[in-house]
């Protein structure tokens, strides 16, 4: 089994304490969350940025691996950074 991070352990412990409850109307909840996701991903404003060709190619390669357009990936990365959930990874060595 892979090592779990703190957030994953918290979720697992919560589940094992039987703190999770089934949603009453799964279809309605699913549709609500689908609408939230769609609204979140709808562009509100256009932003033009200039990237080095190296960064653009790397962004496009990561986007292909994730199954996204490079614009959607860039939007996702910026959103994570601005919301404080983007974790910086340092090279050790």
PDB file of N, CA and C in Angstrom:
ATOM      1  N   UNK A   1       0.832  -1.176   0.000  1.00  0.00           N
ATOM      2  CA  UNK A   1       0.000   0.000   0.000  1.00  0.00           C
ATOM      3  C   UNK A   1       0.882   1.247   0.000  1.00  0.00           C
ATOM      4  N   UNK A   2       0.506   2.242  -0.789  1.00  0.00           N
ATOM      5  CA  UNK A   2       1.267   3.478  -0.857  1.00  0.00           C
ATOM      6  C   UNK A   2       1.123   4.264   0.441  1.00  0.00           C
ATOM      7  N   UNK A   3       2.139   5.043   0.762  1.00  0.00           N
ATOM      8  CA  UNK A   3       2.095   5.872   1.955  1.00  0.00           C
ATOM      9  C   UNK A   3       1.100   7.012   1.741  1.00  0.00           C
ATOM     10  N   UNK A   4       0.237   7.225   2.708  1.00  0.00           N
ATOM     11  CA  UNK A   4      -0.783   8.261   2.613  1.00  0.00           C
ATOM     12  C   UNK A   4      -0.264   9.564   3.220  1.00  0.00           C
ATOM     13  N   UNK A   5      -0.675  10.694   2.618  1.00  0.00           N
ATOM     14  CA  UNK A   5      -0.303  11.972   3.212  1.00  0.00           C
ATOM     15  C   UNK A   5      -1.306  12.312   4.324  1.00  0.00           C
ATOM     16  N   UNK A   6      -1.092  13.435   5.006  1.00  0.00           N
ATOM     17  CA  UNK A   6      -1.918  13.795   6.161  1.00  0.00           C
ATOM     18  C   UNK A   6      -3.395  13.926   5.785  1.00  0.00           C
ATOM     19  N   UNK A   7      -3.674  14.584   4.671  1.00  0.00           N
ATOM     20  CA  UNK A   7      -5.059  14.769   4.256  1.00  0.00           C
ATOM     21  C   UNK A   7      -5.730  13.427   3.969  1.00  0.00           C
ATOM     22  N   UNK A   8      -5.016  12.546   3.297  1.00  0.00           N
ATOM     23  CA  UNK A   8      -5.563  11.225   2.997  1.00  0.00           C
ATOM     24  C   UNK A   8      -5.791  10.413   4.267  1.00  0.00           C
ATOM     25  N   UNK A   9      -4.870  10.522   5.216  1.00  0.00           N
ATOM     26  CA  UNK A   9      -5.043   9.824   6.499  1.00  0.00           C
ATOM     27  C   UNK A   9      -6.254  10.353   7.258  1.00  0.00           C
ATOM     28  N   UNK A  10      -6.447  11.678   7.235  1.00  0.00           N
ATOM     29  CA  UNK A  10      -7.609  12.278   7.897  1.00  0.00           C
ATOM     30  C   UNK A  10      -8.906  11.742   7.298  1.00  0.00           C
ATOM     31  N   UNK A  11      -8.937  11.640   5.974  1.00  0.00           N
ATOM     32  CA  UNK A  11     -10.136  11.125   5.295  1.00  0.00           C
ATOM     33  C   UNK A  11     -10.362   9.665   5.658  1.00  0.00           C
ATOM     34  N   UNK A  12      -9.296   8.876   5.615  1.00  0.00           N
ATOM     35  CA  UNK A  12      -9.418   7.457   5.963  1.00  0.00           C
ATOM     36  C   UNK A  12      -9.899   7.283   7.398  1.00  0.00           C
ATOM     37  N   UNK A  13      -9.321   8.034   8.338  1.00  0.00           N
ATOM     38  CA  UNK A  13      -9.735   7.939   9.742  1.00  0.00           C
ATOM     39  C   UNK A  13     -11.184   8.360   9.922  1.00  0.00           C
ATOM     40  N   UNK A  14     -11.588   9.410   9.227  1.00  0.00           N
ATOM     41  CA  UNK A  14     -12.973   9.866   9.293  1.00  0.00           C
ATOM     42  C   UNK A  14     -13.918   8.781   8.784  1.00  0.00           C
ATOM     43  N   UNK A  15     -13.545   8.139   7.690  1.00  0.00           N
ATOM     44  CA  UNK A  15     -14.361   7.061   7.129  1.00  0.00           C
ATOM     45  C   UNK A  15     -14.450   5.897   8.107  1.00  0.00           C
ATOM     46  N   UNK A  16     -13.321   5.535   8.696  1.00  0.00           N
ATOM     47  CA  UNK A  16     -13.312   4.410   9.637  1.00  0.00           C
ATOM     48  C   UNK A  16     -14.086   4.714  10.917  1.00  0.00           C
ATOM     49  N   UNK A  17     -14.231   5.986  11.275  1.00  0.00           N
ATOM     50  CA  UNK A  17     -15.042   6.372  12.437  1.00  0.00           C
ATOM     51  C   UNK A  17     -16.525   6.448  12.081  1.00  0.00           C
ATOM     52  N   UNK A  18     -16.844   6.064  10.836  1.00  0.00           N
ATOM     53  CA  UNK A  18     -18.226   6.037  10.344  1.00  0.00           C
ATOM     54  C   UNK A  18     -18.864   7.430  10.351  1.00  0.00           C
ATOM     55  N   UNK A  19     -18.069   8.437   9.999  1.00  0.00           N
ATOM     56  CA  UNK A  19     -18.568   9.813   9.967  1.00  0.00           C
ATOM     57  C   UNK A  19     -19.182  10.188   8.616  1.00  0.00           C
ATOM     58  N   UNK A  20     -19.117   9.305   7.668  1.00  0.00           N
ATOM     59  CA  UNK A  20     -19.626   9.602   6.331  1.00  0.00           C
ATOM     60  C   UNK A  20     -21.067   9.130   6.205  1.00  0.00           C
ATOM     61  N   UNK A  21     -21.864   9.923   5.511  1.00  0.00           N
ATOM     62  CA  UNK A  21     -23.270   9.581   5.304  1.00  0.00           C
ATOM     63  C   UNK A  21     -23.583   9.638   3.818  1.00  0.00           C
ATOM     64  N   UNK A  22     -24.474   8.782   3.393  1.00  0.00           N
ATOM     65  CA  UNK A  22     -24.890   8.782   1.997  1.00  0.00           C
ATOM     66  C   UNK A  22     -25.711  10.029   1.695  1.00  0.00           C
ATOM     67  N   UNK A  23     -25.585  10.494   0.476  1.00  0.00           N
ATOM     68  CA  UNK A  23     -26.357  11.638   0.013  1.00  0.00           C
ATOM     69  C   UNK A  23     -27.763  11.161  -0.316  1.00  0.00           C
ATOM     70  N   UNK A  24     -28.758  11.948   0.070  1.00  0.00           N
ATOM     71  CA  UNK A  24     -30.145  11.548  -0.137  1.00  0.00           C
ATOM     72  C   UNK A  24     -30.494  11.435  -1.623  1.00  0.00           C
ATOM     73  N   UNK A  25     -30.190  12.454  -2.390  1.00  0.00           N
ATOM     74  CA  UNK A  25     -30.534  12.461  -3.803  1.00  0.00           C
ATOM     75  C   UNK A  25     -29.249  12.580  -4.613  1.00  0.00           C
ATOM     76  N   UNK A  26     -28.641  11.433  -4.924  1.00  0.00           N
ATOM     77  CA  UNK A  26     -27.335  11.414  -5.599  1.00  0.00           C
ATOM     78  C   UNK A  26     -27.367  12.122  -6.945  1.00  0.00           C
ATOM     79  N   UNK A  27     -28.411  11.903  -7.721  1.00  0.00           N
ATOM     80  CA  UNK A  27     -28.481  12.526  -9.050  1.00  0.00           C
ATOM     81  C   UNK A  27     -28.530  14.043  -8.944  1.00  0.00           C
ATOM     82  N   UNK A  28     -29.311  14.550  -8.010  1.00  0.00           N
ATOM     83  CA  UNK A  28     -29.416  16.000  -7.816  1.00  0.00           C
ATOM     84  C   UNK A  28     -28.073  16.576  -7.356  1.00  0.00           C
ATOM     85  N   UNK A  29     -27.434  15.913  -6.410  1.00  0.00           N
ATOM     86  CA  UNK A  29     -26.129  16.357  -5.920  1.00  0.00           C
ATOM     87  C   UNK A  29     -25.087  16.327  -7.031  1.00  0.00           C
ATOM     88  N   UNK A  30     -25.106  15.271  -7.824  1.00  0.00           N
ATOM     89  CA  UNK A  30     -24.165  15.155  -8.929  1.00  0.00           C
ATOM     90  C   UNK A  30     -24.363  16.309  -9.909  1.00  0.00           C
ATOM     91  N   UNK A  31     -25.596  16.593 -10.256  1.00  0.00           N
ATOM     92  CA  UNK A  31     -25.877  17.684 -11.194  1.00  0.00           C
ATOM     93  C   UNK A  31     -25.453  19.031 -10.616  1.00  0.00           C
ATOM     94  N   UNK A  32     -25.683  19.239  -9.317  1.00  0.00           N
ATOM     95  CA  UNK A  32     -25.266  20.491  -8.684  1.00  0.00           C
ATOM     96  C   UNK A  32     -23.755  20.675  -8.767  1.00  0.00           C
ATOM     97  N   UNK A  33     -23.027  19.624  -8.427  1.00  0.00           N
ATOM     98  CA  UNK A  33     -21.566  19.719  -8.457  1.00  0.00           C
ATOM     99  C   UNK A  33     -21.034  19.837  -9.882  1.00  0.00           C
ATOM    100  N   UNK A  34     -21.715  19.225 -10.819  1.00  0.00           N
ATOM    101  CA  UNK A  34     -21.325  19.361 -12.217  1.00  0.00           C
ATOM    102  C   UNK A  34     -21.502  20.821 -12.665  1.00  0.00           C
ATOM    103  N   UNK A  35     -22.588  21.454 -12.222  1.00  0.00           N
ATOM    104  CA  UNK A  35     -22.820  22.863 -12.547  1.00  0.00           C
ATOM    105  C   UNK A  35     -21.771  23.759 -11.879  1.00  0.00           C
ATOM    106  N   UNK A  36     -21.412  23.446 -10.629  1.00  0.00           N
ATOM    107  CA  UNK A  36     -20.368  24.216  -9.949  1.00  0.00           C
ATOM    108  C   UNK A  36     -19.056  24.130 -10.723  1.00  0.00           C
ATOM    109  N   UNK A  37     -18.705  22.924 -11.143  1.00  0.00           N
ATOM    110  CA  UNK A  37     -17.448  22.729 -11.865  1.00  0.00           C
ATOM    111  C   UNK A  37     -17.470  23.471 -13.200  1.00  0.00           C
ATOM    112  N   UNK A  38     -18.580  23.381 -13.901  1.00  0.00           N
ATOM    113  CA  UNK A  38     -18.701  24.071 -15.182  1.00  0.00           C
ATOM    114  C   UNK A  38     -18.591  25.578 -14.993  1.00  0.00           C
ATOM    115  N   UNK A  39     -19.274  26.112 -13.983  1.00  0.00           N
ATOM    116  CA  UNK A  39     -19.224  27.559 -13.723  1.00  0.00           C
ATOM    117  C   UNK A  39     -17.827  28.001 -13.319  1.00  0.00           C
ATOM    118  N   UNK A  40     -17.137  27.160 -12.565  1.00  0.00           N
ATOM    119  CA  UNK A  40     -15.784  27.498 -12.123  1.00  0.00           C
ATOM    120  C   UNK A  40     -14.825  27.564 -13.301  1.00  0.00           C
ATOM    121  N   UNK A  41     -15.026  26.698 -14.280  1.00  0.00           N
ATOM    122  CA  UNK A  41     -14.114  26.634 -15.413  1.00  0.00           C
ATOM    123  C   UNK A  41     -14.477  27.587 -16.550  1.00  0.00           C
ATOM    124  N   UNK A  42     -15.618  28.279 -16.425  1.00  0.00           N
ATOM    125  CA  UNK A  42     -16.004  29.225 -17.456  1.00  0.00           C
ATOM    126  C   UNK A  42     -15.136  30.474 -17.343  1.00  0.00           C
ATOM    127  N   UNK A  43     -14.511  30.869 -18.441  1.00  0.00           N
ATOM    128  CA  UNK A  43     -13.658  32.052 -18.366  1.00  0.00           C
ATOM    129  C   UNK A  43     -14.486  33.321 -18.194  1.00  0.00           C
ATOM    130  N   UNK A  44     -14.043  34.172 -17.271  1.00  0.00           N
ATOM    131  CA  UNK A  44     -14.721  35.439 -17.044  1.00  0.00           C
ATOM    132  C   UNK A  44     -14.055  36.572 -17.818  1.00  0.00           C
ATOM    133  N   UNK A  45     -12.749  36.500 -17.923  1.00  0.00           N
ATOM    134  CA  UNK A  45     -11.973  37.523 -18.596  1.00  0.00           C
ATOM    135  C   UNK A  45     -10.883  36.858 -19.415  1.00  0.00           C
ATOM    136  N   UNK A  46     -10.495  37.499 -20.456  1.00  0.00           N
ATOM    137  CA  UNK A  46      -9.382  37.001 -21.265  1.00  0.00           C
ATOM    138  C   UNK A  46      -8.105  37.656 -20.761  1.00  0.00           C
ATOM    139  N   UNK A  47      -7.047  36.851 -20.657  1.00  0.00           N
ATOM    140  CA  UNK A  47      -5.744  37.343 -20.236  1.00  0.00           C
ATOM    141  C   UNK A  47      -4.715  36.855 -21.246  1.00  0.00           C
ATOM    142  N   UNK A  48      -3.927  37.765 -21.759  1.00  0.00           N
ATOM    143  CA  UNK A  48      -2.843  37.395 -22.659  1.00  0.00           C
ATOM    144  C   UNK A  48      -1.537  37.450 -21.884  1.00  0.00           C
ATOM    145  N   UNK A  49      -0.767  36.382 -21.954  1.00  0.00           N
ATOM    146  CA  UNK A  49       0.536  36.358 -21.309  1.00  0.00           C
ATOM    147  C   UNK A  49       1.576  35.857 -22.304  1.00  0.00           C
ATOM    148  N   UNK A  50       2.787  36.263 -22.086  1.00  0.00           N
ATOM    149  CA  UNK A  50       3.881  35.810 -22.927  1.00  0.00           C
ATOM    150  C   UNK A  50       4.717  34.823 -22.142  1.00  0.00           C
ATOM    151  N   UNK A  51       4.971  33.667 -22.758  1.00  0.00           N
ATOM    152  CA  UNK A  51       5.788  32.623 -22.156  1.00  0.00           C
ATOM    153  C   UNK A  51       6.974  32.345 -23.059  1.00  0.00           C
ATOM    154  N   UNK A  52       8.048  31.896 -22.459  1.00  0.00           N
ATOM    155  CA  UNK A  52       9.161  31.439 -23.286  1.00  0.00           C
ATOM    156  C   UNK A  52       8.698  30.202 -24.036  1.00  0.00           C
ATOM    157  N   UNK A  53       9.298  29.937 -25.164  1.00  0.00           N
ATOM    158  CA  UNK A  53       8.913  28.758 -25.937  1.00  0.00           C
ATOM    159  C   UNK A  53       9.143  27.489 -25.133  1.00  0.00           C
ATOM    160  N   UNK A  54      10.192  27.490 -24.314  1.00  0.00           N
ATOM    161  CA  UNK A  54      10.480  26.335 -23.458  1.00  0.00           C
ATOM    162  C   UNK A  54       9.327  26.090 -22.471  1.00  0.00           C
ATOM    163  N   UNK A  55       8.855  27.157 -21.802  1.00  0.00           N
ATOM    164  CA  UNK A  55       7.756  27.014 -20.841  1.00  0.00           C
ATOM    165  C   UNK A  55       6.459  26.617 -21.533  1.00  0.00           C
ATOM    166  N   UNK A  56       6.210  27.189 -22.706  1.00  0.00           N
ATOM    167  CA  UNK A  56       4.990  26.845 -23.437  1.00  0.00           C
ATOM    168  C   UNK A  56       4.998  25.377 -23.846  1.00  0.00           C
ATOM    169  N   UNK A  57       6.120  24.891 -24.360  1.00  0.00           N
ATOM    170  CA  UNK A  57       6.208  23.482 -24.748  1.00  0.00           C
ATOM    171  C   UNK A  57       6.022  22.566 -23.534  1.00  0.00           C
ATOM    172  N   UNK A  58       6.640  22.933 -22.405  1.00  0.00           N
ATOM    173  CA  UNK A  58       6.484  22.131 -21.182  1.00  0.00           C
ATOM    174  C   UNK A  58       5.026  22.133 -20.722  1.00  0.00           C
ATOM    175  N   UNK A  59       4.371  23.296 -20.772  1.00  0.00           N
ATOM    176  CA  UNK A  59       2.963  23.400 -20.389  1.00  0.00           C
ATOM    177  C   UNK A  59       2.103  22.523 -21.298  1.00  0.00           C
ATOM    178  N   UNK A  60       2.370  22.561 -22.593  1.00  0.00           N
ATOM    179  CA  UNK A  60       1.602  21.756 -23.537  1.00  0.00           C
ATOM    180  C   UNK A  60       1.808  20.260 -23.288  1.00  0.00           C
ATOM    181  N   UNK A  61       3.028  19.861 -22.982  1.00  0.00           N
ATOM    182  CA  UNK A  61       3.305  18.453 -22.710  1.00  0.00           C
ATOM    183  C   UNK A  61       2.588  17.978 -21.447  1.00  0.00           C
ATOM    184  N   UNK A  62       2.617  18.799 -20.396  1.00  0.00           N
ATOM    185  CA  UNK A  62       1.911  18.445 -19.159  1.00  0.00           C
ATOM    186  C   UNK A  62       0.406  18.382 -19.410  1.00  0.00           C
ATOM    187  N   UNK A  63      -0.102  19.303 -20.223  1.00  0.00           N
ATOM    188  CA  UNK A  63      -1.533  19.338 -20.522  1.00  0.00           C
ATOM    189  C   UNK A  63      -1.966  18.058 -21.243  1.00  0.00           C
ATOM    190  N   UNK A  64      -1.180  17.622 -22.202  1.00  0.00           N
ATOM    191  CA  UNK A  64      -1.495  16.384 -22.925  1.00  0.00           C
ATOM    192  C   UNK A  64      -1.538  15.213 -21.954  1.00  0.00           C
ATOM    193  N   UNK A  65      -0.554  15.165 -21.040  1.00  0.00           N
ATOM    194  CA  UNK A  65      -0.504  14.073 -20.061  1.00  0.00           C
ATOM    195  C   UNK A  65      -1.727  14.085 -19.143  1.00  0.00           C
ATOM    196  N   UNK A  66      -2.258  15.280 -18.867  1.00  0.00           N
ATOM    197  CA  UNK A  66      -3.430  15.414 -17.999  1.00  0.00           C
ATOM    198  C   UNK A  66      -4.745  15.316 -18.768  1.00  0.00           C
ATOM    199  N   UNK A  67      -4.685  15.310 -20.092  1.00  0.00           N
ATOM    200  CA  UNK A  67      -5.901  15.256 -20.896  1.00  0.00           C
ATOM    201  C   UNK A  67      -6.635  16.572 -20.945  1.00  0.00           C
ATOM    202  N   UNK A  68      -5.886  17.669 -20.856  1.00  0.00           N
ATOM    203  CA  UNK A  68      -6.466  19.010 -20.858  1.00  0.00           C
ATOM    204  C   UNK A  68      -5.864  19.843 -21.971  1.00  0.00           C
ATOM    205  N   UNK A  69      -6.523  20.945 -22.293  1.00  0.00           N
ATOM    206  CA  UNK A  69      -5.883  21.923 -23.165  1.00  0.00           C
ATOM    207  C   UNK A  69      -4.848  22.667 -22.320  1.00  0.00           C
ATOM    208  N   UNK A  70      -3.841  23.229 -22.967  1.00  0.00           N
ATOM    209  CA  UNK A  70      -2.834  23.937 -22.182  1.00  0.00           C
ATOM    210  C   UNK A  70      -3.418  25.186 -21.528  1.00  0.00           C
ATOM    211  N   UNK A  71      -4.457  25.778 -22.138  1.00  0.00           N
ATOM    212  CA  UNK A  71      -5.105  26.935 -21.518  1.00  0.00           C
ATOM    213  C   UNK A  71      -5.826  26.527 -20.231  1.00  0.00           C
ATOM    214  N   UNK A  72      -6.518  25.376 -20.274  1.00  0.00           N
ATOM    215  CA  UNK A  72      -7.226  24.896 -19.087  1.00  0.00           C
ATOM    216  C   UNK A  72      -6.237  24.549 -17.978  1.00  0.00           C
ATOM    217  N   UNK A  73      -5.101  23.937 -18.349  1.00  0.00           N
ATOM    218  CA  UNK A  73      -4.098  23.605 -17.341  1.00  0.00           C
ATOM    219  C   UNK A  73      -3.516  24.870 -16.724  1.00  0.00           C
ATOM    220  N   UNK A  74      -3.218  25.875 -17.543  1.00  0.00           N
ATOM    221  CA  UNK A  74      -2.687  27.137 -17.020  1.00  0.00           C
ATOM    222  C   UNK A  74      -3.694  27.791 -16.064  1.00  0.00           C
ATOM    223  N   UNK A  75      -4.960  27.766 -16.433  1.00  0.00           N
ATOM    224  CA  UNK A  75      -6.005  28.311 -15.561  1.00  0.00           C
ATOM    225  C   UNK A  75      -6.064  27.554 -14.249  1.00  0.00           C
ATOM    226  N   UNK A  76      -5.979  26.235 -14.322  1.00  0.00           N
ATOM    227  CA  UNK A  76      -6.021  25.393 -13.127  1.00  0.00           C
ATOM    228  C   UNK A  76      -4.827  25.687 -12.209  1.00  0.00           C
ATOM    229  N   UNK A  77      -3.648  25.794 -12.792  1.00  0.00           N
ATOM    230  CA  UNK A  77      -2.444  26.082 -12.007  1.00  0.00           C
ATOM    231  C   UNK A  77      -2.562  27.442 -11.328  1.00  0.00           C
ATOM    232  N   UNK A  78      -2.991  28.451 -12.060  1.00  0.00           N
ATOM    233  CA  UNK A  78      -3.149  29.786 -11.473  1.00  0.00           C
ATOM    234  C   UNK A  78      -4.181  29.787 -10.351  1.00  0.00           C
ATOM    235  N   UNK A  79      -5.285  29.080 -10.570  1.00  0.00           N
ATOM    236  CA  UNK A  79      -6.322  29.011  -9.530  1.00  0.00           C
ATOM    237  C   UNK A  79      -5.777  28.346  -8.262  1.00  0.00           C
ATOM    238  N   UNK A  80      -5.052  27.234  -8.429  1.00  0.00           N
ATOM    239  CA  UNK A  80      -4.482  26.549  -7.270  1.00  0.00           C
ATOM    240  C   UNK A  80      -3.486  27.461  -6.542  1.00  0.00           C
ATOM    241  N   UNK A  81      -2.666  28.168  -7.284  1.00  0.00           N
ATOM    242  CA  UNK A  81      -1.693  29.070  -6.675  1.00  0.00           C
ATOM    243  C   UNK A  81      -2.404  30.173  -5.879  1.00  0.00           C
ATOM    244  N   UNK A  82      -3.395  30.794  -6.495  1.00  0.00           N
ATOM    245  CA  UNK A  82      -4.094  31.908  -5.847  1.00  0.00           C
ATOM    246  C   UNK A  82      -4.939  31.471  -4.659  1.00  0.00           C
ATOM    247  N   UNK A  83      -5.408  30.221  -4.679  1.00  0.00           N
ATOM    248  CA  UNK A  83      -6.203  29.719  -3.553  1.00  0.00           C
ATOM    249  C   UNK A  83      -5.323  29.148  -2.447  1.00  0.00           C
ATOM    250  N   UNK A  84      -4.000  29.106  -2.685  1.00  0.00           N
ATOM    251  CA  UNK A  84      -3.077  28.632  -1.663  1.00  0.00           C
ATOM    252  C   UNK A  84      -2.930  27.128  -1.612  1.00  0.00           C
ATOM    253  N   UNK A  85      -3.474  26.422  -2.599  1.00  0.00           N
ATOM    254  CA  UNK A  85      -3.395  24.965  -2.556  1.00  0.00           C
ATOM    255  C   UNK A  85      -2.294  24.399  -3.456  1.00  0.00           C
ATOM    256  N   UNK A  86      -1.549  25.263  -4.121  1.00  0.00           N
ATOM    257  CA  UNK A  86      -0.432  24.794  -4.939  1.00  0.00           C
ATOM    258  C   UNK A  86       0.773  24.609  -4.037  1.00  0.00           C
ATOM    259  N   UNK A  87       1.281  23.404  -4.011  1.00  0.00           N
ATOM    260  CA  UNK A  87       2.410  23.073  -3.142  1.00  0.00           C
ATOM    261  C   UNK A  87       3.683  23.115  -3.958  1.00  0.00           C
ATOM    262  N   UNK A  88       4.642  23.897  -3.506  1.00  0.00           N
ATOM    263  CA  UNK A  88       5.905  24.002  -4.213  1.00  0.00           C
ATOM    264  C   UNK A  88       6.769  22.788  -3.913  1.00  0.00           C
ATOM    265  N   UNK A  89       7.367  22.242  -4.947  1.00  0.00           N
ATOM    266  CA  UNK A  89       8.199  21.055  -4.819  1.00  0.00           C
ATOM    267  C   UNK A  89       9.639  21.481  -5.097  1.00  0.00           C
ATOM    268  N   UNK A  90      10.512  21.256  -4.123  1.00  0.00           N
ATOM    269  CA  UNK A  90      11.905  21.621  -4.283  1.00  0.00           C
ATOM    270  C   UNK A  90      12.720  20.398  -4.668  1.00  0.00           C
ATOM    271  N   UNK A  91      13.687  20.604  -5.548  1.00  0.00           N
ATOM    272  CA  UNK A  91      14.605  19.526  -5.884  1.00  0.00           C
ATOM    273  C   UNK A  91      15.623  19.403  -4.764  1.00  0.00           C
ATOM    274  N   UNK A  92      15.716  18.232  -4.190  1.00  0.00           N
ATOM    275  CA  UNK A  92      16.687  17.984  -3.127  1.00  0.00           C
ATOM    276  C   UNK A  92      17.807  17.138  -3.703  1.00  0.00           C
ATOM    277  N   UNK A  93      18.994  17.680  -3.726  1.00  0.00           N
ATOM    278  CA  UNK A  93      20.085  16.861  -4.208  1.00  0.00           C
ATOM    279  C   UNK A  93      21.039  17.587  -5.082  1.00  0.00           C
TER     280      UNK A  93
END
